[in-house]
PDB file of N, CA and C in Angstrom:
ATOM      1  N   MET A   1      28.463 -85.416 132.401  1.00  0.00           N
ATOM      2  CA  MET A   1      27.733 -84.961 131.223  1.00  0.00           C
ATOM      3  C   MET A   1      27.948 -85.978 130.107  1.00  0.00           C
ATOM      4  N   SER A   2      26.913 -86.522 129.573  1.00  0.00           N
ATOM      5  CA  SER A   2      27.043 -87.419 128.432  1.00  0.00           C
ATOM      6  C   SER A   2      27.050 -86.589 127.150  1.00  0.00           C
ATOM      7  N   LEU A   3      27.303 -87.246 126.035  1.00  0.00           N
ATOM      8  CA  LEU A   3      27.315 -86.543 124.752  1.00  0.00           C
ATOM      9  C   LEU A   3      25.902 -86.123 124.383  1.00  0.00           C
ATOM     10  N   LYS A   4      25.777 -84.912 123.887  1.00  0.00           N
ATOM     11  CA  LYS A   4      24.470 -84.381 123.522  1.00  0.00           C
ATOM     12  C   LYS A   4      24.365 -84.242 122.010  1.00  0.00           C
ATOM     13  N   LYS A   5      23.241 -84.666 121.481  1.00  0.00           N
ATOM     14  CA  LYS A   5      22.992 -84.593 120.047  1.00  0.00           C
ATOM     15  C   LYS A   5      23.063 -83.139 119.583  1.00  0.00           C
ATOM     16  N   GLY A   6      23.702 -82.928 118.447  1.00  0.00           N
ATOM     17  CA  GLY A   6      23.764 -81.597 117.858  1.00  0.00           C
ATOM     18  C   GLY A   6      24.910 -80.730 118.336  1.00  0.00           C
ATOM     19  N   LEU A   7      25.716 -81.229 119.288  1.00  0.00           N
ATOM     20  CA  LEU A   7      26.866 -80.457 119.760  1.00  0.00           C
ATOM     21  C   LEU A   7      28.138 -80.944 119.080  1.00  0.00           C
ATOM     22  N   THR A   8      29.073 -80.026 118.895  1.00  0.00           N
ATOM     23  CA  THR A   8      30.399 -80.375 118.405  1.00  0.00           C
ATOM     24  C   THR A   8      31.337 -80.412 119.599  1.00  0.00           C
ATOM     25  N   TYR A   9      32.246 -81.375 119.584  1.00  0.00           N
ATOM     26  CA  TYR A   9      33.170 -81.581 120.694  1.00  0.00           C
ATOM     27  C   TYR A   9      34.613 -81.469 120.230  1.00  0.00           C
ATOM     28  N   LEU A  10      35.459 -80.955 121.105  1.00  0.00           N
ATOM     29  CA  LEU A  10      36.897 -81.067 120.954  1.00  0.00           C
ATOM     30  C   LEU A  10      37.248 -82.466 121.436  1.00  0.00           C
ATOM     31  N   VAL A  11      38.073 -83.183 120.675  1.00  0.00           N
ATOM     32  CA  VAL A  11      38.493 -84.524 121.075  1.00  0.00           C
ATOM     33  C   VAL A  11      39.993 -84.492 121.341  1.00  0.00           C
ATOM     34  N   GLU A  12      40.380 -85.008 122.496  1.00  0.00           N
ATOM     35  CA  GLU A  12      41.793 -85.090 122.851  1.00  0.00           C
ATOM     36  C   GLU A  12      42.120 -86.525 123.225  1.00  0.00           C
ATOM     37  N   SER A  13      43.332 -86.951 122.842  1.00  0.00           N
ATOM     38  CA  SER A  13      43.770 -88.304 123.167  1.00  0.00           C
ATOM     39  C   SER A  13      45.290 -88.336 123.259  1.00  0.00           C
ATOM     40  N   PRO A  14      45.826 -88.828 124.371  1.00  0.00           N
ATOM     41  CA  PRO A  14      47.282 -88.941 124.462  1.00  0.00           C
ATOM     42  C   PRO A  14      47.858 -89.975 123.488  1.00  0.00           C
ATOM     43  N   GLU A  15      47.044 -90.938 123.074  1.00  0.00           N
ATOM     44  CA  GLU A  15      47.520 -92.004 122.188  1.00  0.00           C
ATOM     45  C   GLU A  15      47.204 -91.773 120.713  1.00  0.00           C
ATOM     46  N   ASP A  16      46.275 -90.897 120.400  1.00  0.00           N
ATOM     47  CA  ASP A  16      45.826 -90.700 119.016  1.00  0.00           C
ATOM     48  C   ASP A  16      45.877 -89.216 118.672  1.00  0.00           C
ATOM     49  N   SER A  17      46.981 -88.788 118.077  1.00  0.00           N
ATOM     50  CA  SER A  17      47.166 -87.368 117.755  1.00  0.00           C
ATOM     51  C   SER A  17      46.377 -86.924 116.528  1.00  0.00           C
ATOM     52  N   SER A  18      45.690 -87.837 115.869  1.00  0.00           N
ATOM     53  CA  SER A  18      44.942 -87.482 114.659  1.00  0.00           C
ATOM     54  C   SER A  18      43.563 -86.901 114.953  1.00  0.00           C
ATOM     55  N   VAL A  19      43.138 -86.914 116.214  1.00  0.00           N
ATOM     56  CA  VAL A  19      41.794 -86.433 116.538  1.00  0.00           C
ATOM     57  C   VAL A  19      41.797 -84.942 116.845  1.00  0.00           C
ATOM     58  N   LEU A  20      40.670 -84.277 116.561  1.00  0.00           N
ATOM     59  CA  LEU A  20      40.522 -82.864 116.885  1.00  0.00           C
ATOM     60  C   LEU A  20      39.062 -82.519 117.170  1.00  0.00           C
ATOM     61  N   LEU A  21      38.176 -82.758 116.197  1.00  0.00           N
ATOM     62  CA  LEU A  21      36.766 -82.411 116.357  1.00  0.00           C
ATOM     63  C   LEU A  21      35.881 -83.639 116.202  1.00  0.00           C
ATOM     64  N   ALA A  22      34.752 -83.601 116.885  1.00  0.00           N
ATOM     65  CA  ALA A  22      33.757 -84.670 116.766  1.00  0.00           C
ATOM     66  C   ALA A  22      32.394 -84.042 116.531  1.00  0.00           C
ATOM     67  N   LEU A  23      31.819 -84.327 115.367  1.00  0.00           N
ATOM     68  CA  LEU A  23      30.463 -83.909 115.038  1.00  0.00           C
ATOM     69  C   LEU A  23      29.579 -85.146 115.115  1.00  0.00           C
ATOM     70  N   ASP A  24      28.356 -84.969 115.551  1.00  0.00           N
ATOM     71  CA  ASP A  24      27.404 -86.085 115.642  1.00  0.00           C
ATOM     72  C   ASP A  24      27.944 -87.238 116.493  1.00  0.00           C
ATOM     73  N   ALA A  25      28.697 -86.930 117.530  1.00  0.00           N
ATOM     74  CA  ALA A  25      29.249 -87.977 118.397  1.00  0.00           C
ATOM     75  C   ALA A  25      28.125 -88.643 119.174  1.00  0.00           C
ATOM     76  N   ARG A  26      28.217 -89.971 119.289  1.00  0.00           N
ATOM     77  CA  ARG A  26      27.189 -90.689 120.034  1.00  0.00           C
ATOM     78  C   ARG A  26      27.745 -92.007 120.552  1.00  0.00           C
ATOM     79  N   VAL A  27      27.132 -92.456 121.612  1.00  0.00           N
ATOM     80  CA  VAL A  27      27.427 -93.761 122.194  1.00  0.00           C
ATOM     81  C   VAL A  27      26.200 -94.630 121.972  1.00  0.00           C
ATOM     82  N   HIS A  28      26.405 -95.799 121.372  1.00  0.00           N
ATOM     83  CA  HIS A  28      25.288 -96.721 121.124  1.00  0.00           C
ATOM     84  C   HIS A  28      25.823 -98.119 120.881  1.00  0.00           C
ATOM     85  N   ASP A  29      25.079 -99.096 121.334  1.00  0.00           N
ATOM     86  CA  ASP A  29      25.403-100.506 121.083  1.00  0.00           C
ATOM     87  C   ASP A  29      26.847-100.854 121.434  1.00  0.00           C
ATOM     88  N   GLY A  30      27.375-100.256 122.499  1.00  0.00           N
ATOM     89  CA  GLY A  30      28.738-100.545 122.917  1.00  0.00           C
ATOM     90  C   GLY A  30      29.816 -99.869 122.096  1.00  0.00           C
ATOM     91  N   LEU A  31      29.415 -98.907 121.258  1.00  0.00           N
ATOM     92  CA  LEU A  31      30.358 -98.185 120.393  1.00  0.00           C
ATOM     93  C   LEU A  31      30.329 -96.691 120.681  1.00  0.00           C
ATOM     94  N   ILE A  32      31.439 -96.026 120.361  1.00  0.00           N
ATOM     95  CA  ILE A  32      31.478 -94.570 120.258  1.00  0.00           C
ATOM     96  C   ILE A  32      31.713 -94.282 118.784  1.00  0.00           C
ATOM     97  N   ASP A  33      30.929 -93.389 118.202  1.00  0.00           N
ATOM     98  CA  ASP A  33      31.206 -93.000 116.820  1.00  0.00           C
ATOM     99  C   ASP A  33      30.994 -91.513 116.640  1.00  0.00           C
ATOM    100  N   TRP A  34      31.693 -90.965 115.648  1.00  0.00           N
ATOM    101  CA  TRP A  34      31.586 -89.546 115.340  1.00  0.00           C
ATOM    102  C   TRP A  34      32.128 -89.272 113.950  1.00  0.00           C
ATOM    103  N   PHE A  35      31.801 -88.103 113.420  1.00  0.00           N
ATOM    104  CA  PHE A  35      32.325 -87.604 112.156  1.00  0.00           C
ATOM    105  C   PHE A  35      33.360 -86.550 112.506  1.00  0.00           C
ATOM    106  N   ASP A  36      34.565 -86.662 111.948  1.00  0.00           N
ATOM    107  CA  ASP A  36      35.643 -85.753 112.334  1.00  0.00           C
ATOM    108  C   ASP A  36      35.886 -84.619 111.335  1.00  0.00           C
ATOM    109  N   THR A  37      34.938 -84.343 110.483  1.00  0.00           N
ATOM    110  CA  THR A  37      34.928 -83.354 109.386  1.00  0.00           C
ATOM    111  C   THR A  37      35.540 -83.908 108.107  1.00  0.00           C
ATOM    112  N   VAL A  38      36.164 -85.092 108.176  1.00  0.00           N
ATOM    113  CA  VAL A  38      36.717 -85.735 106.991  1.00  0.00           C
ATOM    114  C   VAL A  38      36.157 -87.149 106.835  1.00  0.00           C
ATOM    115  N   ARG A  39      36.071 -87.870 107.942  1.00  0.00           N
ATOM    116  CA  ARG A  39      35.615 -89.267 107.879  1.00  0.00           C
ATOM    117  C   ARG A  39      34.883 -89.641 109.159  1.00  0.00           C
ATOM    118  N   ASP A  40      34.169 -90.751 109.073  1.00  0.00           N
ATOM    119  CA  ASP A  40      33.513 -91.303 110.257  1.00  0.00           C
ATOM    120  C   ASP A  40      34.513 -92.157 111.024  1.00  0.00           C
ATOM    121  N   ARG A  41      34.374 -92.145 112.333  1.00  0.00           N
ATOM    122  CA  ARG A  41      35.196 -92.986 113.203  1.00  0.00           C
ATOM    123  C   ARG A  41      34.257 -93.768 114.118  1.00  0.00           C
ATOM    124  N   ALA A  42      34.614 -95.003 114.425  1.00  0.00           N
ATOM    125  CA  ALA A  42      33.817 -95.818 115.349  1.00  0.00           C
ATOM    126  C   ALA A  42      34.735 -96.819 116.036  1.00  0.00           C
ATOM    127  N   PHE A  43      34.561 -96.950 117.351  1.00  0.00           N
ATOM    128  CA  PHE A  43      35.381 -97.865 118.141  1.00  0.00           C
ATOM    129  C   PHE A  43      34.523 -98.530 119.209  1.00  0.00           C
ATOM    130  N   PRO A  44      34.775 -99.814 119.487  1.00  0.00           N
ATOM    131  CA  PRO A  44      34.117-100.450 120.627  1.00  0.00           C
ATOM    132  C   PRO A  44      34.609 -99.808 121.929  1.00  0.00           C
ATOM    133  N   ILE A  45      33.702 -99.619 122.869  1.00  0.00           N
ATOM    134  CA  ILE A  45      34.025 -98.982 124.146  1.00  0.00           C
ATOM    135  C   ILE A  45      34.382-100.044 125.183  1.00  0.00           C
ATOM    136  N   LYS A  46      35.519 -99.836 125.858  1.00  0.00           N
ATOM    137  CA  LYS A  46      35.872-100.681 127.007  1.00  0.00           C
ATOM    138  C   LYS A  46      35.264-100.103 128.277  1.00  0.00           C
ATOM    139  N   SER A  47      35.320 -98.765 128.397  1.00  0.00           N
ATOM    140  CA  SER A  47      34.709 -98.087 129.543  1.00  0.00           C
ATOM    141  C   SER A  47      34.492 -96.621 129.191  1.00  0.00           C
ATOM    142  N   SER A  48      33.618 -95.972 129.953  1.00  0.00           N
ATOM    143  CA  SER A  48      33.380 -94.540 129.753  1.00  0.00           C
ATOM    144  C   SER A  48      33.081 -93.900 131.096  1.00  0.00           C
ATOM    145  N   LYS A  49      33.356 -92.599 131.165  1.00  0.00           N
ATOM    146  CA  LYS A  49      33.132 -91.870 132.406  1.00  0.00           C
ATOM    147  C   LYS A  49      32.684 -90.452 132.066  1.00  0.00           C
ATOM    148  N   ASP A  50      31.552 -90.050 132.644  1.00  0.00           N
ATOM    149  CA  ASP A  50      31.084 -88.682 132.453  1.00  0.00           C
ATOM    150  C   ASP A  50      32.075 -87.708 133.057  1.00  0.00           C
ATOM    151  N   GLN A  51      32.272 -86.595 132.365  1.00  0.00           N
ATOM    152  CA  GLN A  51      33.111 -85.496 132.826  1.00  0.00           C
ATOM    153  C   GLN A  51      32.234 -84.252 132.910  1.00  0.00           C
ATOM    154  N   PRO A  52      32.621 -83.236 133.691  1.00  0.00           N
ATOM    155  CA  PRO A  52      31.789 -82.029 133.807  1.00  0.00           C
ATOM    156  C   PRO A  52      31.508 -81.347 132.466  1.00  0.00           C
ATOM    157  N   ASP A  53      32.461 -81.441 131.524  1.00  0.00           N
ATOM    158  CA  ASP A  53      32.301 -80.766 130.239  1.00  0.00           C
ATOM    159  C   ASP A  53      32.190 -81.735 129.070  1.00  0.00           C
ATOM    160  N   GLY A  54      31.949 -83.016 129.340  1.00  0.00           N
ATOM    161  CA  GLY A  54      31.849 -83.975 128.250  1.00  0.00           C
ATOM    162  C   GLY A  54      31.917 -85.412 128.714  1.00  0.00           C
ATOM    163  N   LEU A  55      32.764 -86.199 128.038  1.00  0.00           N
ATOM    164  CA  LEU A  55      32.819 -87.635 128.289  1.00  0.00           C
ATOM    165  C   LEU A  55      34.224 -88.147 128.014  1.00  0.00           C
ATOM    166  N   GLU A  56      34.682 -89.085 128.827  1.00  0.00           N
ATOM    167  CA  GLU A  56      35.940 -89.779 128.574  1.00  0.00           C
ATOM    168  C   GLU A  56      35.606 -91.213 128.207  1.00  0.00           C
ATOM    169  N   VAL A  57      36.171 -91.683 127.104  1.00  0.00           N
ATOM    170  CA  VAL A  57      35.898 -93.027 126.605  1.00  0.00           C
ATOM    171  C   VAL A  57      37.218 -93.767 126.419  1.00  0.00           C
ATOM    172  N   VAL A  58      37.279 -94.985 126.933  1.00  0.00           N
ATOM    173  CA  VAL A  58      38.450 -95.835 126.747  1.00  0.00           C
ATOM    174  C   VAL A  58      38.083 -96.911 125.735  1.00  0.00           C
ATOM    175  N   THR A  59      38.903 -97.024 124.686  1.00  0.00           N
ATOM    176  CA  THR A  59      38.747 -98.074 123.683  1.00  0.00           C
ATOM    177  C   THR A  59      40.009 -98.935 123.724  1.00  0.00           C
ATOM    178  N   GLU A  60      40.055 -99.978 122.927  1.00  0.00           N
ATOM    179  CA  GLU A  60      41.282-100.783 122.866  1.00  0.00           C
ATOM    180  C   GLU A  60      42.428 -99.979 122.284  1.00  0.00           C
ATOM    181  N   ARG A  61      42.097 -99.017 121.448  1.00  0.00           N
ATOM    182  CA  ARG A  61      43.110 -98.232 120.748  1.00  0.00           C
ATOM    183  C   ARG A  61      43.632 -97.064 121.568  1.00  0.00           C
ATOM    184  N   ALA A  62      42.730 -96.363 122.283  1.00  0.00           N
ATOM    185  CA  ALA A  62      43.121 -95.117 122.941  1.00  0.00           C
ATOM    186  C   ALA A  62      42.061 -94.672 123.936  1.00  0.00           C
ATOM    187  N   THR A  63      42.428 -93.668 124.719  1.00  0.00           N
ATOM    188  CA  THR A  63      41.481 -92.954 125.566  1.00  0.00           C
ATOM    189  C   THR A  63      41.148 -91.653 124.859  1.00  0.00           C
ATOM    190  N   TYR A  64      39.857 -91.364 124.741  1.00  0.00           N
ATOM    191  CA  TYR A  64      39.394 -90.142 124.073  1.00  0.00           C
ATOM    192  C   TYR A  64      38.616 -89.300 125.063  1.00  0.00           C
ATOM    193  N   ARG A  65      38.935 -88.013 125.102  1.00  0.00           N
ATOM    194  CA  ARG A  65      38.200 -87.076 125.945  1.00  0.00           C
ATOM    195  C   ARG A  65      37.426 -86.130 125.039  1.00  0.00           C
ATOM    196  N   PHE A  66      36.130 -86.138 125.185  1.00  0.00           N
ATOM    197  CA  PHE A  66      35.237 -85.282 124.408  1.00  0.00           C
ATOM    198  C   PHE A  66      34.820 -84.112 125.289  1.00  0.00           C
ATOM    199  N   LYS A  67      35.186 -82.896 124.865  1.00  0.00           N
ATOM    200  CA  LYS A  67      34.810 -81.684 125.600  1.00  0.00           C
ATOM    201  C   LYS A  67      33.928 -80.838 124.700  1.00  0.00           C
ATOM    202  N   ARG A  68      32.828 -80.343 125.254  1.00  0.00           N
ATOM    203  CA  ARG A  68      31.955 -79.458 124.481  1.00  0.00           C
ATOM    204  C   ARG A  68      32.801 -78.320 123.928  1.00  0.00           C
ATOM    205  N   LEU A  69      32.759 -78.123 122.603  1.00  0.00           N
ATOM    206  CA  LEU A  69      33.579 -77.100 121.959  1.00  0.00           C
ATOM    207  C   LEU A  69      33.001 -75.719 122.219  1.00  0.00           C
ATOM    208  N   THR A  70      33.780 -74.896 122.895  1.00  0.00           N
ATOM    209  CA  THR A  70      33.410 -73.507 123.169  1.00  0.00           C
ATOM    210  C   THR A  70      34.264 -72.594 122.304  1.00  0.00           C
ATOM    211  N   LYS A  71      33.895 -71.342 122.242  1.00  0.00           N
ATOM    212  CA  LYS A  71      34.687 -70.361 121.500  1.00  0.00           C
ATOM    213  C   LYS A  71      36.103 -70.295 122.062  1.00  0.00           C
ATOM    214  N   ASP A  72      36.243 -70.296 123.378  1.00  0.00           N
ATOM    215  CA  ASP A  72      37.573 -70.233 123.995  1.00  0.00           C
ATOM    216  C   ASP A  72      38.427 -71.449 123.634  1.00  0.00           C
ATOM    217  N   LEU A  73      37.853 -72.653 123.694  1.00  0.00           N
ATOM    218  CA  LEU A  73      38.595 -73.856 123.295  1.00  0.00           C
ATOM    219  C   LEU A  73      38.955 -73.809 121.817  1.00  0.00           C
ATOM    220  N   TYR A  74      38.023 -73.354 120.999  1.00  0.00           N
ATOM    221  CA  TYR A  74      38.276 -73.235 119.564  1.00  0.00           C
ATOM    222  C   TYR A  74      39.448 -72.293 119.315  1.00  0.00           C
ATOM    223  N   ASP A  75      39.399 -71.109 119.934  1.00  0.00           N
ATOM    224  CA  ASP A  75      40.450 -70.110 119.719  1.00  0.00           C
ATOM    225  C   ASP A  75      41.808 -70.590 120.226  1.00  0.00           C
ATOM    226  N   SER A  76      41.833 -71.287 121.341  1.00  0.00           N
ATOM    227  CA  SER A  76      43.110 -71.693 121.936  1.00  0.00           C
ATOM    228  C   SER A  76      43.666 -73.004 121.386  1.00  0.00           C
ATOM    229  N   THR A  77      42.809 -73.862 120.852  1.00  0.00           N
ATOM    230  CA  THR A  77      43.254 -75.202 120.461  1.00  0.00           C
ATOM    231  C   THR A  77      43.050 -75.525 118.985  1.00  0.00           C
ATOM    232  N   VAL A  78      41.920 -75.150 118.440  1.00  0.00           N
ATOM    233  CA  VAL A  78      41.554 -75.595 117.092  1.00  0.00           C
ATOM    234  C   VAL A  78      42.100 -74.686 115.999  1.00  0.00           C
ATOM    235  N   VAL A  79      42.034 -73.375 116.182  1.00  0.00           N
ATOM    236  CA  VAL A  79      42.394 -72.415 115.126  1.00  0.00           C
ATOM    237  C   VAL A  79      43.761 -72.713 114.518  1.00  0.00           C
ATOM    238  N   ALA A  80      44.754 -72.983 115.334  1.00  0.00           N
ATOM    239  CA  ALA A  80      46.112 -73.214 114.836  1.00  0.00           C
ATOM    240  C   ALA A  80      46.243 -74.513 114.041  1.00  0.00           C
ATOM    241  N   LYS A  81      45.262 -75.409 114.164  1.00  0.00           N
ATOM    242  CA  LYS A  81      45.349 -76.720 113.518  1.00  0.00           C
ATOM    243  C   LYS A  81      44.431 -76.867 112.310  1.00  0.00           C
ATOM    244  N   VAL A  82      43.625 -75.837 112.026  1.00  0.00           N
ATOM    245  CA  VAL A  82      42.635 -75.938 110.954  1.00  0.00           C
ATOM    246  C   VAL A  82      42.951 -74.930 109.852  1.00  0.00           C
ATOM    247  N   THR A  83      43.115 -75.419 108.641  1.00  0.00           N
ATOM    248  CA  THR A  83      43.328 -74.536 107.506  1.00  0.00           C
ATOM    249  C   THR A  83      42.034 -73.810 107.192  1.00  0.00           C
ATOM    250  N   GLY A  84      42.127 -72.509 106.984  1.00  0.00           N
ATOM    251  CA  GLY A  84      40.934 -71.734 106.646  1.00  0.00           C
ATOM    252  C   GLY A  84      39.990 -71.545 107.807  1.00  0.00           C
ATOM    253  N   SER A  85      40.524 -71.590 109.032  1.00  0.00           N
ATOM    254  CA  SER A  85      39.653 -71.390 110.193  1.00  0.00           C
ATOM    255  C   SER A  85      39.071 -69.991 110.160  1.00  0.00           C
ATOM    256  N   ARG A  86      37.918 -69.840 110.726  1.00  0.00           N
ATOM    257  CA  ARG A  86      37.238 -68.553 110.712  1.00  0.00           C
ATOM    258  C   ARG A  86      36.962 -68.109 112.137  1.00  0.00           C
ATOM    259  N   PRO A  87      36.827 -66.808 112.330  1.00  0.00           N
ATOM    260  CA  PRO A  87      36.522 -66.326 113.686  1.00  0.00           C
ATOM    261  C   PRO A  87      35.038 -66.496 114.008  1.00  0.00           C
ATOM    262  N   PHE A  88      34.753 -66.735 115.268  1.00  0.00           N
ATOM    263  CA  PHE A  88      33.377 -66.822 115.752  1.00  0.00           C
ATOM    264  C   PHE A  88      33.221 -65.850 116.906  1.00  0.00           C
ATOM    265  N   ALA A  89      32.092 -65.173 116.954  1.00  0.00           N
ATOM    266  CA  ALA A  89      31.837 -64.197 118.016  1.00  0.00           C
ATOM    267  C   ALA A  89      31.408 -64.874 119.312  1.00  0.00           C
ATOM    268  N   THR A  90      30.706 -66.002 119.195  1.00  0.00           N
ATOM    269  CA  THR A  90      30.168 -66.677 120.378  1.00  0.00           C
ATOM    270  C   THR A  90      30.263 -68.193 120.212  1.00  0.00           C
ATOM    271  N   THR A  91      30.137 -68.888 121.313  1.00  0.00           N
ATOM    272  CA  THR A  91      30.078 -70.351 121.273  1.00  0.00           C
ATOM    273  C   THR A  91      28.856 -70.808 120.487  1.00  0.00           C
ATOM    274  N   GLU A  92      27.743 -70.118 120.645  1.00  0.00           N
ATOM    275  CA  GLU A  92      26.522 -70.494 119.924  1.00  0.00           C
ATOM    276  C   GLU A  92      26.721 -70.387 118.413  1.00  0.00           C
ATOM    277  N   GLU A  93      27.394 -69.324 117.957  1.00  0.00           N
ATOM    278  CA  GLU A  93      27.673 -69.163 116.523  1.00  0.00           C
ATOM    279  C   GLU A  93      28.577 -70.291 116.028  1.00  0.00           C
ATOM    280  N   LEU A  94      29.574 -70.639 116.801  1.00  0.00           N
ATOM    281  CA  LEU A  94      30.486 -71.734 116.478  1.00  0.00           C
ATOM    282  C   LEU A  94      29.734 -73.058 116.372  1.00  0.00           C
ATOM    283  N   GLN A  95      28.924 -73.366 117.376  1.00  0.00           N
ATOM    284  CA  GLN A  95      28.164 -74.610 117.366  1.00  0.00           C
ATOM    285  C   GLN A  95      27.193 -74.659 116.184  1.00  0.00           C
ATOM    286  N   GLU A  96      26.562 -73.545 115.874  1.00  0.00           N
ATOM    287  CA  GLU A  96      25.627 -73.498 114.738  1.00  0.00           C
ATOM    288  C   GLU A  96      26.357 -73.762 113.425  1.00  0.00           C
ATOM    289  N   PHE A  97      27.547 -73.207 113.264  1.00  0.00           N
ATOM    290  CA  PHE A  97      28.348 -73.446 112.061  1.00  0.00           C
ATOM    291  C   PHE A  97      28.588 -74.943 111.874  1.00  0.00           C
ATOM    292  N   TYR A  98      29.020 -75.629 112.908  1.00  0.00           N
ATOM    293  CA  TYR A  98      29.315 -77.056 112.782  1.00  0.00           C
ATOM    294  C   TYR A  98      28.056 -77.915 112.684  1.00  0.00           C
ATOM    295  N   ARG A  99      26.930 -77.443 113.209  1.00  0.00           N
ATOM    296  CA  ARG A  99      25.669 -78.183 113.012  1.00  0.00           C
ATOM    297  C   ARG A  99      25.302 -78.226 111.533  1.00  0.00           C
ATOM    298  N   LYS A 100      25.671 -77.177 110.796  1.00  0.00           N
ATOM    299  CA  LYS A 100      25.350 -77.098 109.367  1.00  0.00           C
ATOM    300  C   LYS A 100      26.461 -77.664 108.485  1.00  0.00           C
ATOM    301  N   PHE A 101      27.547 -78.128 109.083  1.00  0.00           N
ATOM    302  CA  PHE A 101      28.704 -78.633 108.345  1.00  0.00           C
ATOM    303  C   PHE A 101      28.285 -79.841 107.514  1.00  0.00           C
ATOM    304  N   SER A 102      28.601 -79.798 106.232  1.00  0.00           N
ATOM    305  CA  SER A 102      28.166 -80.898 105.357  1.00  0.00           C
ATOM    306  C   SER A 102      29.167 -82.046 105.381  1.00  0.00           C
ATOM    307  N   ARG A 103      28.622 -83.227 105.222  1.00  0.00           N
ATOM    308  CA  ARG A 103      29.455 -84.434 105.158  1.00  0.00           C
ATOM    309  C   ARG A 103      29.834 -84.712 103.739  1.00  0.00           C
TER     310      ARG A 103
END
């Protein structure tokens, strides 16, 4: 599964503990870039591999795994790390919230 426009992803990296969410993530011109709710990030890609629930990207800095953010992933992984997190009834409601997230 490649990255899909309009979806929010959970980002995990064994080398980069500062990552959590990716909005507007895209691969283009040999780069991966995304908005992490605070700033834009962009890195040249060394390699990438489709995963069933997202994409794995290797850069010079780190390996990043992008997983489509579901309600279950949000509840188990994101809530404890986000100040002022809110409950969502469904994955669709969660995704819609982040689609409207302002930069």
